[in-house]
Amino acid sequence: MGCGRRPLFEIGRIKTDSQTILNYLKSKIGLKIDDKNFKEIINTALKETWTRDTFDRIITAHAKYRDAYLISKDARITKNYFKTLS
């Protein structure tokens, strides 16, 4: 995984793997994976210059592309994307 990061489940910071969390959210709130227009999301991410973190760029670009709110406690994301809820 890029940026020297490993998933929280793999390093023991959370006890539930991502697939279990995803299945739970699908059943409880109808969460759907947005896999459309990924190329446009990446093009938007390439324009983000406030961070070198690839994942922060993609997460923020996805919200920006969809003109959606983003839930994050990351101070840099909150500072650089005005629709962040923390």
C-alpha atoms as a PDB file:
ATOM      1  CA  MET A   1       0.000   0.000   0.000  1.00  0.00           C
ATOM      2  CA  GLY A   2       1.281   3.475  -0.856  1.00  0.00           C
ATOM      3  CA  CYS A   3       2.540   6.151   1.510  1.00  0.00           C
ATOM      4  CA  GLY A   4       3.818   3.550   3.999  1.00  0.00           C
ATOM      5  CA  ARG A   5       0.309   2.986   5.360  1.00  0.00           C
ATOM      6  CA  ARG A   6      -1.348  -0.308   6.161  1.00  0.00           C
ATOM      7  CA  PRO A   7      -5.070  -0.814   6.725  1.00  0.00           C
ATOM      8  CA  LEU A   8      -6.164  -0.284  10.321  1.00  0.00           C
ATOM      9  CA  PHE A   9      -7.389  -3.888  10.584  1.00  0.00           C
ATOM     10  CA  GLU A  10      -3.971  -5.231   9.544  1.00  0.00           C
ATOM     11  CA  ILE A  11      -2.133  -3.234  12.205  1.00  0.00           C
ATOM     12  CA  GLY A  12      -4.639  -4.127  14.933  1.00  0.00           C
ATOM     13  CA  ARG A  13      -6.144  -0.646  15.445  1.00  0.00           C
ATOM     14  CA  ILE A  14      -9.632  -1.936  14.639  1.00  0.00           C
ATOM     15  CA  LYS A  15     -10.994  -5.435  15.160  1.00  0.00           C
ATOM     16  CA  THR A  16     -13.294  -5.629  12.133  1.00  0.00           C
ATOM     17  CA  ASP A  17     -12.119  -6.034   8.544  1.00  0.00           C
ATOM     18  CA  SER A  18     -13.263  -3.669   5.795  1.00  0.00           C
ATOM     19  CA  GLN A  19     -15.517  -6.194   4.017  1.00  0.00           C
ATOM     20  CA  THR A  20     -17.492  -6.819   7.227  1.00  0.00           C
ATOM     21  CA  ILE A  21     -17.864  -3.055   7.774  1.00  0.00           C
ATOM     22  CA  LEU A  22     -18.945  -2.570   4.160  1.00  0.00           C
ATOM     23  CA  ASN A  23     -21.542  -5.356   4.389  1.00  0.00           C
ATOM     24  CA  TYR A  24     -22.904  -3.890   7.625  1.00  0.00           C
ATOM     25  CA  LEU A  25     -23.254  -0.407   6.106  1.00  0.00           C
ATOM     26  CA  LYS A  26     -24.901  -1.860   2.980  1.00  0.00           C
ATOM     27  CA  SER A  27     -27.535  -3.587   5.112  1.00  0.00           C
ATOM     28  CA  LYS A  28     -28.071  -0.778   7.646  1.00  0.00           C
ATOM     29  CA  ILE A  29     -28.024   2.369   5.512  1.00  0.00           C
ATOM     30  CA  GLY A  30     -28.055   1.107   1.926  1.00  0.00           C
ATOM     31  CA  LEU A  31     -24.457   2.148   1.263  1.00  0.00           C
ATOM     32  CA  LYS A  32     -23.414   1.696  -2.364  1.00  0.00           C
ATOM     33  CA  ILE A  33     -19.975   1.744  -3.921  1.00  0.00           C
ATOM     34  CA  ASP A  34     -19.625   4.638  -6.364  1.00  0.00           C
ATOM     35  CA  ASP A  35     -17.489   3.239  -9.160  1.00  0.00           C
ATOM     36  CA  LYS A  36     -18.593   5.536 -11.965  1.00  0.00           C
ATOM     37  CA  ASN A  37     -16.386   8.200 -13.527  1.00  0.00           C
ATOM     38  CA  PHE A  38     -13.251   7.101 -11.665  1.00  0.00           C
ATOM     39  CA  LYS A  39     -11.129   8.651 -14.407  1.00  0.00           C
ATOM     40  CA  GLU A  40     -12.748  12.053 -13.753  1.00  0.00           C
ATOM     41  CA  ILE A  41     -12.214  11.663 -10.020  1.00  0.00           C
ATOM     42  CA  ILE A  42      -8.515  10.947 -10.612  1.00  0.00           C
ATOM     43  CA  ASN A  43      -8.258  13.955 -12.930  1.00  0.00           C
ATOM     44  CA  THR A  44      -9.768  16.071 -10.150  1.00  0.00           C
ATOM     45  CA  ALA A  45      -7.326  14.561  -7.629  1.00  0.00           C
ATOM     46  CA  LEU A  46      -4.360  15.496  -9.815  1.00  0.00           C
ATOM     47  CA  LYS A  47      -5.324  19.158  -9.378  1.00  0.00           C
ATOM     48  CA  GLU A  48      -5.172  18.972  -5.578  1.00  0.00           C
ATOM     49  CA  THR A  49      -1.883  20.550  -4.498  1.00  0.00           C
ATOM     50  CA  TRP A  50      -2.392  20.990  -0.753  1.00  0.00           C
ATOM     51  CA  THR A  51      -1.149  17.457   0.048  1.00  0.00           C
ATOM     52  CA  ARG A  52       1.158  14.833  -1.379  1.00  0.00           C
ATOM     53  CA  ASP A  53      -0.917  12.037   0.188  1.00  0.00           C
ATOM     54  CA  THR A  54      -2.486  10.155  -2.718  1.00  0.00           C
ATOM     55  CA  PHE A  55      -5.394   8.818  -0.698  1.00  0.00           C
ATOM     56  CA  ASP A  56      -6.295  12.207   0.781  1.00  0.00           C
ATOM     57  CA  ARG A  57      -6.301  13.625  -2.735  1.00  0.00           C
ATOM     58  CA  ILE A  58      -8.573  10.884  -4.081  1.00  0.00           C
ATOM     59  CA  ILE A  59     -10.979  10.981  -1.112  1.00  0.00           C
ATOM     60  CA  THR A  60     -11.289  14.745  -1.331  1.00  0.00           C
ATOM     61  CA  ALA A  61     -11.520  14.758  -5.128  1.00  0.00           C
ATOM     62  CA  HIS A  62     -14.329  12.211  -5.034  1.00  0.00           C
ATOM     63  CA  ALA A  63     -16.368  14.378  -2.682  1.00  0.00           C
ATOM     64  CA  LYS A  64     -15.541  17.476  -4.716  1.00  0.00           C
ATOM     65  CA  TYR A  65     -16.452  15.763  -8.005  1.00  0.00           C
ATOM     66  CA  ARG A  66     -19.827  14.712  -6.575  1.00  0.00           C
ATOM     67  CA  ASP A  67     -20.290  18.061  -4.779  1.00  0.00           C
ATOM     68  CA  ALA A  68     -20.836  15.993  -1.658  1.00  0.00           C
ATOM     69  CA  TYR A  69     -20.083  16.360   2.015  1.00  0.00           C
ATOM     70  CA  LEU A  70     -17.093  14.499   3.383  1.00  0.00           C
ATOM     71  CA  ILE A  71     -16.842  13.206   6.941  1.00  0.00           C
ATOM     72  CA  SER A  72     -13.286  13.385   8.256  1.00  0.00           C
ATOM     73  CA  LYS A  73     -11.368  14.331  11.374  1.00  0.00           C
ATOM     74  CA  ASP A  74      -8.251  15.025   9.315  1.00  0.00           C
ATOM     75  CA  ALA A  75      -7.341  18.672   9.939  1.00  0.00           C
ATOM     76  CA  ARG A  76      -5.712  19.154   6.530  1.00  0.00           C
ATOM     77  CA  ILE A  77      -8.750  17.797   4.688  1.00  0.00           C
ATOM     78  CA  THR A  78     -11.071  19.921   6.818  1.00  0.00           C
ATOM     79  CA  LYS A  79      -8.989  23.000   6.081  1.00  0.00           C
ATOM     80  CA  ASN A  80      -8.830  22.375   2.333  1.00  0.00           C
ATOM     81  CA  TYR A  81     -12.325  21.072   1.518  1.00  0.00           C
ATOM     82  CA  PHE A  82     -15.067  23.360   2.771  1.00  0.00           C
ATOM     83  CA  LYS A  83     -17.762  20.662   2.755  1.00  0.00           C
ATOM     84  CA  THR A  84     -15.966  18.541   5.333  1.00  0.00           C
ATOM     85  CA  LEU A  85     -17.899  17.567   8.434  1.00  0.00           C
ATOM     86  CA  SER A  86     -15.755  16.627  11.396  1.00  0.00           C
END
